Amino acid sequence: MLDPRWEQLAEILVNYSTTTSSGERVLISMMETDTWPLARAVHAAAIRVGAFPHIEFQSTLLQRDLM
């Protein structure tokens, strides 16, 4: 279960800040694993309004390991 504060912030981002609507494609770009709870909450909020969310994960630690 997510912290209700993440869910509340996600609702504000999806329904007020970006006014995401049904059928829209939404890119959720997250850095490191600390942002995972908010990314999950935004993903769920976007699904609820009928949007098509996609999560992109970026990690500087992983990039360093791959180089």
PDB file of N, CA and C in Angstrom:
ATOM      1  N   MET A   1       0.833  -1.181   0.000  1.00  0.00           N
ATOM      2  CA  MET A   1       0.000   0.000   0.000  1.00  0.00           C
ATOM      3  C   MET A   1       0.881   1.250   0.000  1.00  0.00           C
ATOM      4  N   LEU A   2       0.491   2.204  -0.819  1.00  0.00           N
ATOM      5  CA  LEU A   2       1.247   3.447  -0.933  1.00  0.00           C
ATOM      6  C   LEU A   2       0.893   4.415   0.187  1.00  0.00           C
ATOM      7  N   ASP A   3       1.844   5.260   0.499  1.00  0.00           N
ATOM      8  CA  ASP A   3       1.598   6.343   1.443  1.00  0.00           C
ATOM      9  C   ASP A   3       0.533   7.262   0.822  1.00  0.00           C
ATOM     10  N   PRO A   4      -0.504   7.616   1.556  1.00  0.00           N
ATOM     11  CA  PRO A   4      -1.565   8.457   0.996  1.00  0.00           C
ATOM     12  C   PRO A   4      -1.071   9.815   0.495  1.00  0.00           C
ATOM     13  N   ARG A   5       0.056  10.283   1.017  1.00  0.00           N
ATOM     14  CA  ARG A   5       0.592  11.566   0.535  1.00  0.00           C
ATOM     15  C   ARG A   5       1.081  11.452  -0.902  1.00  0.00           C
ATOM     16  N   TRP A   6       1.664  10.296  -1.275  1.00  0.00           N
ATOM     17  CA  TRP A   6       2.083  10.090  -2.667  1.00  0.00           C
ATOM     18  C   TRP A   6       0.859  10.058  -3.572  1.00  0.00           C
ATOM     19  N   GLU A   7      -0.194   9.366  -3.116  1.00  0.00           N
ATOM     20  CA  GLU A   7      -1.418   9.274  -3.913  1.00  0.00           C
ATOM     21  C   GLU A   7      -2.051  10.651  -4.095  1.00  0.00           C
ATOM     22  N   GLN A   8      -2.045  11.460  -3.044  1.00  0.00           N
ATOM     23  CA  GLN A   8      -2.610  12.802  -3.135  1.00  0.00           C
ATOM     24  C   GLN A   8      -1.799  13.660  -4.113  1.00  0.00           C
ATOM     25  N   LEU A   9      -0.476  13.586  -4.033  1.00  0.00           N
ATOM     26  CA  LEU A   9       0.376  14.341  -4.952  1.00  0.00           C
ATOM     27  C   LEU A   9       0.161  13.879  -6.389  1.00  0.00           C
ATOM     28  N   ALA A  10       0.038  12.578  -6.592  1.00  0.00           N
ATOM     29  CA  ALA A  10      -0.192  12.044  -7.936  1.00  0.00           C
ATOM     30  C   ALA A  10      -1.517  12.544  -8.503  1.00  0.00           C
ATOM     31  N   GLU A  11      -2.551  12.576  -7.677  1.00  0.00           N
ATOM     32  CA  GLU A  11      -3.853  13.089  -8.130  1.00  0.00           C
ATOM     33  C   GLU A  11      -3.740  14.553  -8.548  1.00  0.00           C
ATOM     34  N   ILE A  12      -2.995  15.341  -7.788  1.00  0.00           N
ATOM     35  CA  ILE A  12      -2.799  16.752  -8.138  1.00  0.00           C
ATOM     36  C   ILE A  12      -2.042  16.870  -9.457  1.00  0.00           C
ATOM     37  N   LEU A  13      -0.978  16.073  -9.625  1.00  0.00           N
ATOM     38  CA  LEU A  13      -0.185  16.127 -10.857  1.00  0.00           C
ATOM     39  C   LEU A  13      -1.001  15.727 -12.081  1.00  0.00           C
ATOM     40  N   VAL A  14      -1.784  14.665 -11.953  1.00  0.00           N
ATOM     41  CA  VAL A  14      -2.528  14.134 -13.103  1.00  0.00           C
ATOM     42  C   VAL A  14      -3.778  14.959 -13.407  1.00  0.00           C
ATOM     43  N   ASN A  15      -4.519  15.335 -12.376  1.00  0.00           N
ATOM     44  CA  ASN A  15      -5.811  15.981 -12.597  1.00  0.00           C
ATOM     45  C   ASN A  15      -5.777  17.505 -12.606  1.00  0.00           C
ATOM     46  N   TYR A  16      -4.763  18.106 -12.006  1.00  0.00           N
ATOM     47  CA  TYR A  16      -4.718  19.564 -11.942  1.00  0.00           C
ATOM     48  C   TYR A  16      -3.532  20.140 -12.722  1.00  0.00           C
ATOM     49  N   SER A  17      -2.332  19.725 -12.372  1.00  0.00           N
ATOM     50  CA  SER A  17      -1.134  20.322 -12.975  1.00  0.00           C
ATOM     51  C   SER A  17      -1.019  20.039 -14.468  1.00  0.00           C
ATOM     52  N   THR A  18      -1.316  18.815 -14.869  1.00  0.00           N
ATOM     53  CA  THR A  18      -1.181  18.457 -16.287  1.00  0.00           C
ATOM     54  C   THR A  18      -2.518  18.219 -16.971  1.00  0.00           C
ATOM     55  N   THR A  19      -3.594  18.199 -16.225  1.00  0.00           N
ATOM     56  CA  THR A  19      -4.942  17.899 -16.745  1.00  0.00           C
ATOM     57  C   THR A  19      -4.916  16.760 -17.771  1.00  0.00           C
ATOM     58  N   THR A  20      -4.374  15.649 -17.351  1.00  0.00           N
ATOM     59  CA  THR A  20      -4.291  14.461 -18.199  1.00  0.00           C
ATOM     60  C   THR A  20      -5.696  13.941 -18.475  1.00  0.00           C
ATOM     61  N   SER A  21      -5.951  13.550 -19.721  1.00  0.00           N
ATOM     62  CA  SER A  21      -7.283  13.063 -20.065  1.00  0.00           C
ATOM     63  C   SER A  21      -7.207  11.682 -20.709  1.00  0.00           C
ATOM     64  N   SER A  22      -8.362  11.114 -20.906  1.00  0.00           N
ATOM     65  CA  SER A  22      -8.476   9.769 -21.458  1.00  0.00           C
ATOM     66  C   SER A  22      -7.824   9.687 -22.837  1.00  0.00           C
ATOM     67  N   GLY A  23      -7.067   8.627 -23.055  1.00  0.00           N
ATOM     68  CA  GLY A  23      -6.429   8.398 -24.342  1.00  0.00           C
ATOM     69  C   GLY A  23      -5.058   9.032 -24.497  1.00  0.00           C
ATOM     70  N   GLU A  24      -4.666   9.886 -23.568  1.00  0.00           N
ATOM     71  CA  GLU A  24      -3.351  10.519 -23.660  1.00  0.00           C
ATOM     72  C   GLU A  24      -2.254   9.549 -23.252  1.00  0.00           C
ATOM     73  N   ARG A  25      -1.082   9.737 -23.828  1.00  0.00           N
ATOM     74  CA  ARG A  25       0.088   8.950 -23.454  1.00  0.00           C
ATOM     75  C   ARG A  25       0.899   9.773 -22.462  1.00  0.00           C
ATOM     76  N   VAL A  26       1.310   9.134 -21.367  1.00  0.00           N
ATOM     77  CA  VAL A  26       2.005   9.833 -20.286  1.00  0.00           C
ATOM     78  C   VAL A  26       3.353   9.162 -20.048  1.00  0.00           C
ATOM     79  N   LEU A  27       4.419   9.950 -20.107  1.00  0.00           N
ATOM     80  CA  LEU A  27       5.753   9.443 -19.792  1.00  0.00           C
ATOM     81  C   LEU A  27       6.097   9.845 -18.367  1.00  0.00           C
ATOM     82  N   ILE A  28       6.394   8.857 -17.544  1.00  0.00           N
ATOM     83  CA  ILE A  28       6.807   9.083 -16.161  1.00  0.00           C
ATOM     84  C   ILE A  28       8.283   8.716 -16.093  1.00  0.00           C
ATOM     85  N   SER A  29       9.124   9.726 -15.955  1.00  0.00           N
ATOM     86  CA  SER A  29      10.567   9.505 -15.918  1.00  0.00           C
ATOM     87  C   SER A  29      11.033   9.570 -14.473  1.00  0.00           C
ATOM     88  N   MET A  30      11.648   8.486 -14.014  1.00  0.00           N
ATOM     89  CA  MET A  30      12.093   8.441 -12.620  1.00  0.00           C
ATOM     90  C   MET A  30      13.597   8.231 -12.545  1.00  0.00           C
ATOM     91  N   MET A  31      14.207   8.862 -11.543  1.00  0.00           N
ATOM     92  CA  MET A  31      15.644   8.740 -11.310  1.00  0.00           C
ATOM     93  C   MET A  31      15.865   7.952 -10.033  1.00  0.00           C
ATOM     94  N   GLU A  32      16.625   6.898 -10.114  1.00  0.00           N
ATOM     95  CA  GLU A  32      16.966   6.061  -8.957  1.00  0.00           C
ATOM     96  C   GLU A  32      15.709   5.448  -8.343  1.00  0.00           C
ATOM     97  N   THR A  33      15.883   4.618  -7.364  1.00  0.00           N
ATOM     98  CA  THR A  33      14.760   3.893  -6.775  1.00  0.00           C
ATOM     99  C   THR A  33      13.997   4.710  -5.740  1.00  0.00           C
ATOM    100  N   ASP A  34      14.548   5.829  -5.293  1.00  0.00           N
ATOM    101  CA  ASP A  34      13.863   6.656  -4.300  1.00  0.00           C
ATOM    102  C   ASP A  34      12.559   7.239  -4.833  1.00  0.00           C
ATOM    103  N   THR A  35      12.443   7.376  -6.136  1.00  0.00           N
ATOM    104  CA  THR A  35      11.253   7.982  -6.734  1.00  0.00           C
ATOM    105  C   THR A  35      10.180   6.959  -7.085  1.00  0.00           C
ATOM    106  N   TRP A  36      10.433   5.695  -6.804  1.00  0.00           N
ATOM    107  CA  TRP A  36       9.495   4.631  -7.171  1.00  0.00           C
ATOM    108  C   TRP A  36       8.090   4.818  -6.592  1.00  0.00           C
ATOM    109  N   PRO A  37       7.917   5.186  -5.308  1.00  0.00           N
ATOM    110  CA  PRO A  37       6.554   5.339  -4.783  1.00  0.00           C
ATOM    111  C   PRO A  37       5.733   6.391  -5.535  1.00  0.00           C
ATOM    112  N   LEU A  38       6.354   7.517  -5.876  1.00  0.00           N
ATOM    113  CA  LEU A  38       5.623   8.542  -6.617  1.00  0.00           C
ATOM    114  C   LEU A  38       5.334   8.085  -8.042  1.00  0.00           C
ATOM    115  N   ALA A  39       6.283   7.408  -8.674  1.00  0.00           N
ATOM    116  CA  ALA A  39       6.058   6.903 -10.032  1.00  0.00           C
ATOM    117  C   ALA A  39       4.887   5.924 -10.055  1.00  0.00           C
ATOM    118  N   ARG A  40       4.808   5.050  -9.062  1.00  0.00           N
ATOM    119  CA  ARG A  40       3.686   4.100  -8.975  1.00  0.00           C
ATOM    120  C   ARG A  40       2.363   4.831  -8.785  1.00  0.00           C
ATOM    121  N   ALA A  41       2.363   5.848  -7.934  1.00  0.00           N
ATOM    122  CA  ALA A  41       1.140   6.596  -7.670  1.00  0.00           C
ATOM    123  C   ALA A  41       0.682   7.367  -8.905  1.00  0.00           C
ATOM    124  N   VAL A  42       1.608   7.987  -9.623  1.00  0.00           N
ATOM    125  CA  VAL A  42       1.253   8.714 -10.847  1.00  0.00           C
ATOM    126  C   VAL A  42       0.765   7.737 -11.909  1.00  0.00           C
ATOM    127  N   HIS A  43       1.392   6.585 -12.005  1.00  0.00           N
ATOM    128  CA  HIS A  43       0.961   5.549 -12.949  1.00  0.00           C
ATOM    129  C   HIS A  43      -0.486   5.154 -12.667  1.00  0.00           C
ATOM    130  N   ALA A  44      -0.803   4.892 -11.410  1.00  0.00           N
ATOM    131  CA  ALA A  44      -2.162   4.494 -11.036  1.00  0.00           C
ATOM    132  C   ALA A  44      -3.168   5.611 -11.303  1.00  0.00           C
ATOM    133  N   ALA A  45      -2.802   6.847 -10.998  1.00  0.00           N
ATOM    134  CA  ALA A  45      -3.705   7.978 -11.231  1.00  0.00           C
ATOM    135  C   ALA A  45      -3.953   8.179 -12.721  1.00  0.00           C
ATOM    136  N   ALA A  46      -2.923   7.988 -13.536  1.00  0.00           N
ATOM    137  CA  ALA A  46      -3.081   8.120 -14.986  1.00  0.00           C
ATOM    138  C   ALA A  46      -3.993   7.027 -15.539  1.00  0.00           C
ATOM    139  N   ILE A  47      -3.851   5.819 -15.039  1.00  0.00           N
ATOM    140  CA  ILE A  47      -4.728   4.716 -15.457  1.00  0.00           C
ATOM    141  C   ILE A  47      -6.181   5.042 -15.111  1.00  0.00           C
ATOM    142  N   ARG A  48      -6.400   5.608 -13.924  1.00  0.00           N
ATOM    143  CA  ARG A  48      -7.766   5.925 -13.487  1.00  0.00           C
ATOM    144  C   ARG A  48      -8.465   6.919 -14.404  1.00  0.00           C
ATOM    145  N   VAL A  49      -7.709   7.845 -15.013  1.00  0.00           N
ATOM    146  CA  VAL A  49      -8.343   8.807 -15.922  1.00  0.00           C
ATOM    147  C   VAL A  49      -8.386   8.297 -17.359  1.00  0.00           C
ATOM    148  N   GLY A  50      -7.874   7.097 -17.600  1.00  0.00           N
ATOM    149  CA  GLY A  50      -7.931   6.508 -18.935  1.00  0.00           C
ATOM    150  C   GLY A  50      -6.730   6.800 -19.809  1.00  0.00           C
ATOM    151  N   ALA A  51      -5.656   7.287 -19.215  1.00  0.00           N
ATOM    152  CA  ALA A  51      -4.436   7.573 -19.977  1.00  0.00           C
ATOM    153  C   ALA A  51      -3.597   6.303 -20.107  1.00  0.00           C
ATOM    154  N   PHE A  52      -2.556   6.386 -20.929  1.00  0.00           N
ATOM    155  CA  PHE A  52      -1.655   5.262 -21.167  1.00  0.00           C
ATOM    156  C   PHE A  52      -0.259   5.624 -20.652  1.00  0.00           C
ATOM    157  N   PRO A  53       0.028   5.332 -19.376  1.00  0.00           N
ATOM    158  CA  PRO A  53       1.321   5.717 -18.807  1.00  0.00           C
ATOM    159  C   PRO A  53       2.443   4.749 -19.169  1.00  0.00           C
ATOM    160  N   HIS A  54       3.640   5.308 -19.263  1.00  0.00           N
ATOM    161  CA  HIS A  54       4.853   4.526 -19.509  1.00  0.00           C
ATOM    162  C   HIS A  54       5.907   5.030 -18.534  1.00  0.00           C
ATOM    163  N   ILE A  55       6.543   4.119 -17.799  1.00  0.00           N
ATOM    164  CA  ILE A  55       7.568   4.510 -16.829  1.00  0.00           C
ATOM    165  C   ILE A  55       8.951   4.278 -17.420  1.00  0.00           C
ATOM    166  N   GLU A  56       9.774   5.330 -17.383  1.00  0.00           N
ATOM    167  CA  GLU A  56      11.164   5.266 -17.831  1.00  0.00           C
ATOM    168  C   GLU A  56      12.041   5.364 -16.587  1.00  0.00           C
ATOM    169  N   PHE A  57      12.930   4.407 -16.395  1.00  0.00           N
ATOM    170  CA  PHE A  57      13.801   4.382 -15.223  1.00  0.00           C
ATOM    171  C   PHE A  57      15.219   4.755 -15.619  1.00  0.00           C
ATOM    172  N   GLN A  58      15.814   5.686 -14.874  1.00  0.00           N
ATOM    173  CA  GLN A  58      17.194   6.097 -15.108  1.00  0.00           C
ATOM    174  C   GLN A  58      17.975   5.958 -13.808  1.00  0.00           C
ATOM    175  N   SER A  59      19.184   5.452 -13.915  1.00  0.00           N
ATOM    176  CA  SER A  59      20.011   5.286 -12.726  1.00  0.00           C
ATOM    177  C   SER A  59      21.457   5.644 -13.049  1.00  0.00           C
ATOM    178  N   THR A  60      21.981   6.631 -12.352  1.00  0.00           N
ATOM    179  CA  THR A  60      23.381   6.992 -12.571  1.00  0.00           C
ATOM    180  C   THR A  60      24.304   5.893 -12.065  1.00  0.00           C
ATOM    181  N   LEU A  61      23.905   5.218 -10.988  1.00  0.00           N
ATOM    182  CA  LEU A  61      24.718   4.110 -10.478  1.00  0.00           C
ATOM    183  C   LEU A  61      24.795   2.978 -11.498  1.00  0.00           C
ATOM    184  N   LEU A  62      23.678   2.658 -12.102  1.00  0.00           N
ATOM    185  CA  LEU A  62      23.654   1.603 -13.110  1.00  0.00           C
ATOM    186  C   LEU A  62      24.443   2.019 -14.347  1.00  0.00           C
ATOM    187  N   GLN A  63      24.330   3.277 -14.750  1.00  0.00           N
ATOM    188  CA  GLN A  63      25.089   3.755 -15.904  1.00  0.00           C
ATOM    189  C   GLN A  63      26.591   3.647 -15.655  1.00  0.00           C
ATOM    190  N   ARG A  64      27.017   3.984 -14.451  1.00  0.00           N
ATOM    191  CA  ARG A  64      28.447   3.860 -14.118  1.00  0.00           C
ATOM    192  C   ARG A  64      28.903   2.408 -14.172  1.00  0.00           C
ATOM    193  N   ASP A  65      28.070   1.500 -13.680  1.00  0.00           N
ATOM    194  CA  ASP A  65      28.421   0.080 -13.698  1.00  0.00           C
ATOM    195  C   ASP A  65      28.534  -0.457 -15.117  1.00  0.00           C
ATOM    196  N   LEU A  66      27.739   0.067 -16.019  1.00  0.00           N
ATOM    197  CA  LEU A  66      27.737  -0.422 -17.394  1.00  0.00           C
ATOM    198  C   LEU A  66      28.885   0.144 -18.222  1.00  0.00           C
ATOM    199  N   MET A  67      29.508   1.204 -17.759  1.00  0.00           N
ATOM    200  CA  MET A  67      30.605   1.817 -18.528  1.00  0.00           C
ATOM    201  C   MET A  67      31.916   1.154 -18.248  1.00  0.00           C
TER     202      MET A  67
END
